[in-house]
Structure formats: C-alpha cells, structure tokens
C-alpha cells in the first residue's frame, strides 16, 4: 500500500516532506527511499526515528498496538491503514490513549472517495431511485496460488481477523458513506473461520440514513 498508493501521493504533495521511512527490513525501506523519496532517512526501529508532525502507519493490523502507543507518547498525529484495531475494546483503548496524548488518529478508509461511490451518493440524494428500502453489497478476493508463507494475511496474529478486517471494512464504510448512514443495528451475522481466520462473513443490518 505504501509503495503503490500512499508514498507516490505524498511525494507529489508540495506541502508534504517525507522525513523518514521505517521498516524492520532495511532493504525494503531503502528501496522505497531510492525510488520515491530519495531525501528521506531510513530506520528499522520506530524508537530511532526523529520527531515529525504526522506518521503513516501501514504495517499489518495485528502488529500495530505497541508502535501506536509509542507514536502517541511521542506526540505524533497518525494516519493509519484501516482498521487500526482488532477489537472494539482495543479500538476504544487506542482512542483513549490518543486523546490523553492530545494527538489525532485518522483511519484510511479511502475507498469512500472513489468516483463511483461519490456518484452513487449524488444519485441517491437526488431521489432518482426513490425511497431506498434495501441494499445488497458484496466484496470478494482470490488468491493466485496457495502455500504462501511470506504473506501476512495467512497469519491470524498479523492479519487481525481475515476478510472482514482486510477488505470487508472498506465495503461497510462504502455503503455507510454512500447512504450517509447515521446509525445501524446488526441483525444477523455468520462467519466461516479456518485456522483462526475469517474467510467469509455475511451480515444483515438495519440502517438509518439521512
């Protein structure tokens, strides 16, 4: 995500200076730096990084707890790849810590800004579809091969849950943004789990929209 999406955008924003890149694998950070941000420093430990205004956190969700706590303690604001916690309790705890440190944490649910979603919201607002009574939405993904041992999504501790966390969270946010949902009630939920990972989630919700 950093290589293909975040860093190219940041490097083309004149008001943004990328001070450093941090990765446990130094060669990966140096490769990114040479390709996109040649003036940036490279570190392998967040503890060694100098102060900045804001950091982008795009490491796997299951490994973010300690780095985020350290970032809050340093007083850095955060843009975090979605979702930034693996449970409601952890979500609330991180928000509390951020507030205590007087920093903001934003979640990168950026698909809501895709042109198709913005157009859908405009069409619904225009009333062209009449009253919205039911919405169906689905999200899927496929793997080109099995047996990958270098992929964090195959590790339940790193992935933080599975398909709902990884891509389903985008889908839920897209529906909520398009319909301008103000409240919801979860009516039904069914998950298919294998080795601690959610491979399929089906949910029915009652939404209240503007």
Protein backbone atom coordinates (compact mmCIF):
# COMPACT_ATOMS: atom_id res chain seq x y z
CA UNK A 1 0.00 0.00 0.00
CA UNK A 2 2.82 2.41 0.81
CA UNK A 3 4.75 1.64 -2.38
CA UNK A 4 1.80 1.66 -4.76
CA UNK A 5 -0.57 4.21 -3.23
CA UNK A 6 0.45 6.27 -0.22
CA UNK A 7 4.04 7.29 -0.94
CA UNK A 8 3.54 8.34 -4.59
CA UNK A 9 0.72 10.64 -3.48
CA UNK A 10 2.64 12.08 -0.52
CA UNK A 11 5.74 12.72 -2.66
CA UNK A 12 3.63 14.72 -5.12
CA UNK A 13 2.12 17.00 -2.47
CA UNK A 14 4.29 20.15 -2.32
CA UNK A 15 3.23 20.89 1.26
CA UNK A 16 4.43 17.48 2.49
CA UNK A 17 8.03 16.49 3.26
CA UNK A 18 8.71 12.77 3.79
CA UNK A 19 11.38 12.82 6.50
CA UNK A 20 11.92 9.11 7.01
CA UNK A 21 10.79 5.58 6.20
CA UNK A 22 10.79 2.85 8.82
CA UNK A 23 10.69 -0.88 8.10
CA UNK A 24 12.02 -3.88 10.02
CA UNK A 25 13.56 -4.99 6.71
CA UNK A 26 16.07 -2.24 5.95
CA UNK A 27 16.47 -3.21 2.29
CA UNK A 28 12.76 -2.64 1.67
CA UNK A 29 12.87 0.82 3.23
CA UNK A 30 15.99 1.74 1.25
CA UNK A 31 14.42 0.52 -1.98
CA UNK A 32 11.36 2.70 -1.37
CA UNK A 33 13.51 5.65 -0.44
CA UNK A 34 15.64 5.42 -3.59
CA UNK A 35 12.59 5.03 -5.83
CA UNK A 36 10.24 7.62 -4.40
CA UNK A 37 11.71 9.67 -1.55
CA UNK A 38 15.49 9.94 -2.06
CA UNK A 39 15.91 12.68 0.55
CA UNK A 40 14.30 10.61 3.32
CA UNK A 41 16.21 8.82 6.06
CA UNK A 42 15.80 5.09 6.67
CA UNK A 43 15.29 3.35 10.01
CA UNK A 44 14.47 -0.16 11.18
CA UNK A 45 13.15 0.83 14.64
CA UNK A 46 10.44 3.38 15.32
CA UNK A 47 12.27 4.31 18.52
CA UNK A 48 15.19 5.69 16.46
CA UNK A 49 13.07 7.94 14.24
CA UNK A 50 13.26 11.73 14.76
CA UNK A 51 10.17 13.80 15.54
CA UNK A 52 7.64 14.56 12.80
CA UNK A 53 4.20 16.15 12.61
CA UNK A 54 2.35 13.05 11.45
CA UNK A 55 3.13 9.43 10.60
CA UNK A 56 1.52 6.96 8.22
CA UNK A 57 1.14 3.52 9.82
CA UNK A 58 0.65 0.76 7.24
CA UNK A 59 2.02 -2.33 8.96
CA UNK A 60 -0.32 -5.33 9.48
CA UNK A 61 -3.15 -4.57 11.91
CA UNK A 62 -2.15 -7.33 14.30
CA UNK A 63 1.26 -5.71 14.91
CA UNK A 64 0.20 -2.09 15.46
CA UNK A 65 -0.59 -1.94 19.16
CA UNK A 66 2.88 -1.23 20.54
CA UNK A 67 4.03 1.07 17.70
CA UNK A 68 0.86 3.16 18.03
CA UNK A 69 1.30 3.52 21.78
CA UNK A 70 4.87 4.66 21.23
CA UNK A 71 3.79 7.08 18.48
CA UNK A 72 1.17 8.59 20.80
CA UNK A 73 3.77 9.02 23.52
CA UNK A 74 5.97 10.95 21.08
CA UNK A 75 3.05 13.26 20.31
CA UNK A 76 2.84 12.43 16.60
CA UNK A 77 -0.51 12.53 14.79
CA UNK A 78 -1.37 9.35 12.86
CA UNK A 79 -2.98 8.33 9.59
CA UNK A 80 -3.49 4.60 9.99
CA UNK A 81 -4.42 1.97 7.43
CA UNK A 82 -7.85 0.57 8.24
CA UNK A 83 -8.78 -0.72 10.71
CA UNK A 84 -6.40 0.41 13.42
CA UNK A 85 -7.56 -2.16 16.00
CA UNK A 86 -8.65 -5.80 16.02
CA UNK A 87 -11.43 -5.44 18.58
CA UNK A 88 -13.81 -2.81 19.93
CA UNK A 89 -12.01 -2.84 23.29
CA UNK A 90 -8.65 -2.20 21.62
CA UNK A 91 -10.21 0.47 19.39
CA UNK A 92 -11.57 2.33 22.43
CA UNK A 93 -8.30 1.93 24.33
CA UNK A 94 -6.26 3.39 21.46
CA UNK A 95 -8.66 6.32 21.08
CA UNK A 96 -8.35 6.99 24.82
CA UNK A 97 -4.55 6.91 24.64
CA UNK A 98 -4.55 9.23 21.62
CA UNK A 99 -6.82 11.69 23.42
CA UNK A 100 -4.65 11.59 26.53
CA UNK A 101 -1.61 12.35 24.34
CA UNK A 102 -3.55 15.11 22.53
CA UNK A 103 -2.98 13.62 19.11
CA UNK A 104 -5.37 12.75 16.30
CA UNK A 105 -5.63 9.30 14.73
CA UNK A 106 -7.34 9.01 11.37
CA UNK A 107 -8.35 5.79 9.62
CA UNK A 108 -7.53 5.30 5.92
CA UNK A 109 -10.92 4.17 4.61
CA UNK A 110 -10.32 5.99 1.36
CA UNK A 111 -12.50 3.94 -0.98
CA UNK A 112 -15.45 6.10 0.06
CA UNK A 113 -13.87 8.80 -2.13
CA UNK A 114 -13.82 6.68 -5.29
CA UNK A 115 -15.69 8.45 -8.10
CA UNK A 116 -18.28 5.66 -8.36
CA UNK A 117 -19.18 5.98 -4.68
CA UNK A 118 -19.40 9.77 -4.87
CA UNK A 119 -21.67 9.48 -7.92
CA UNK A 120 -23.86 6.88 -6.20
CA UNK A 121 -24.32 9.20 -3.23
CA UNK A 122 -25.29 12.08 -5.51
CA UNK A 123 -27.83 9.91 -7.33
CA UNK A 124 -29.40 8.73 -4.08
CA UNK A 125 -29.53 12.29 -2.78
CA UNK A 126 -31.25 13.39 -6.00
CA UNK A 127 -34.12 10.96 -5.35
CA UNK A 128 -33.79 9.29 -8.77
CA UNK A 129 -34.10 5.86 -7.12
CA UNK A 130 -36.98 6.86 -4.88
CA UNK A 131 -37.02 5.58 -1.31
CA UNK A 132 -34.13 3.21 -0.54
CA UNK A 133 -35.56 0.12 1.18
CA UNK A 134 -32.81 -2.47 0.73
CA UNK A 135 -29.15 -2.53 -0.30
CA UNK A 136 -27.05 -5.58 -1.18
CA UNK A 137 -23.26 -5.26 -1.23
CA UNK A 138 -20.55 -7.89 -1.63
CA UNK A 139 -16.77 -7.96 -1.61
CA UNK A 140 -14.57 -10.83 -2.67
CA UNK A 141 -10.96 -11.66 -3.41
CA UNK A 142 -9.00 -14.54 -4.85
CA UNK A 143 -5.50 -15.87 -4.43
CA UNK A 144 -3.38 -16.78 -7.43
CA UNK A 145 -1.69 -19.59 -5.53
CA UNK A 146 -1.72 -21.38 -2.19
CA UNK A 147 1.03 -22.14 0.27
CA UNK A 148 2.37 -18.58 0.60
CA UNK A 149 4.38 -18.38 3.80
CA UNK A 150 5.59 -14.81 3.28
CA UNK A 151 2.13 -13.23 3.25
CA UNK A 152 0.87 -11.63 6.45
CA UNK A 153 -2.79 -12.41 5.69
CA UNK A 154 -2.04 -16.10 6.20
CA UNK A 155 -1.03 -15.36 9.81
CA UNK A 156 -4.04 -14.89 12.10
CA UNK A 157 -1.99 -12.83 14.57
CA UNK A 158 -0.78 -10.45 11.86
CA UNK A 159 -3.96 -10.19 9.82
CA UNK A 160 -6.09 -9.40 12.83
CA UNK A 161 -9.06 -11.45 11.70
CA UNK A 162 -9.36 -12.08 7.98
CA UNK A 163 -11.51 -10.92 5.09
CA UNK A 164 -13.87 -8.67 7.09
CA UNK A 165 -10.95 -6.77 8.60
CA UNK A 166 -8.90 -6.65 5.42
CA UNK A 167 -11.41 -5.71 2.69
CA UNK A 168 -14.87 -6.04 4.22
CA UNK A 169 -14.28 -2.98 6.38
CA UNK A 170 -13.94 -0.95 3.17
CA UNK A 171 -17.22 -2.34 1.87
CA UNK A 172 -19.12 -1.49 5.06
CA UNK A 173 -17.67 2.03 5.03
CA UNK A 174 -18.55 2.50 1.35
CA UNK A 175 -22.18 1.56 1.97
CA UNK A 176 -22.36 3.81 5.02
CA UNK A 177 -20.78 6.73 3.13
CA UNK A 178 -22.97 6.36 0.02
CA UNK A 179 -26.16 6.20 2.10
CA UNK A 180 -24.93 8.72 4.70
CA UNK A 181 -25.78 6.27 7.47
CA UNK A 182 -26.26 7.85 10.87
CA UNK A 183 -26.98 4.68 12.88
CA UNK A 184 -27.24 0.92 12.40
CA UNK A 185 -28.32 -2.27 14.16
CA UNK A 186 -26.69 -5.62 13.44
CA UNK A 187 -29.49 -8.17 12.97
CA UNK A 188 -27.65 -11.29 11.78
CA UNK A 189 -24.03 -12.30 11.31
CA UNK A 190 -22.42 -15.54 10.18
CA UNK A 191 -18.70 -16.17 9.75
CA UNK A 192 -16.76 -19.06 8.25
CA UNK A 193 -13.49 -19.49 10.14
CA UNK A 194 -10.49 -21.65 9.26
CA UNK A 195 -7.37 -21.70 11.46
CA UNK A 196 -8.44 -18.53 13.22
CA UNK A 197 -9.02 -16.57 10.00
CA UNK A 198 -12.38 -15.32 8.78
CA UNK A 199 -12.72 -16.49 5.16
CA UNK A 200 -16.33 -15.39 4.74
CA UNK A 201 -18.64 -13.05 6.63
CA UNK A 202 -22.32 -12.49 5.93
CA UNK A 203 -24.20 -9.82 7.80
CA UNK A 204 -27.67 -8.26 7.77
CA UNK A 205 -28.03 -4.78 9.21
CA UNK A 206 -30.84 -2.29 9.65
CA UNK A 207 -29.60 1.17 8.66
CA UNK A 208 -30.83 4.64 9.40
CA UNK A 209 -29.75 7.12 6.76
CA UNK A 210 -30.27 10.80 6.18
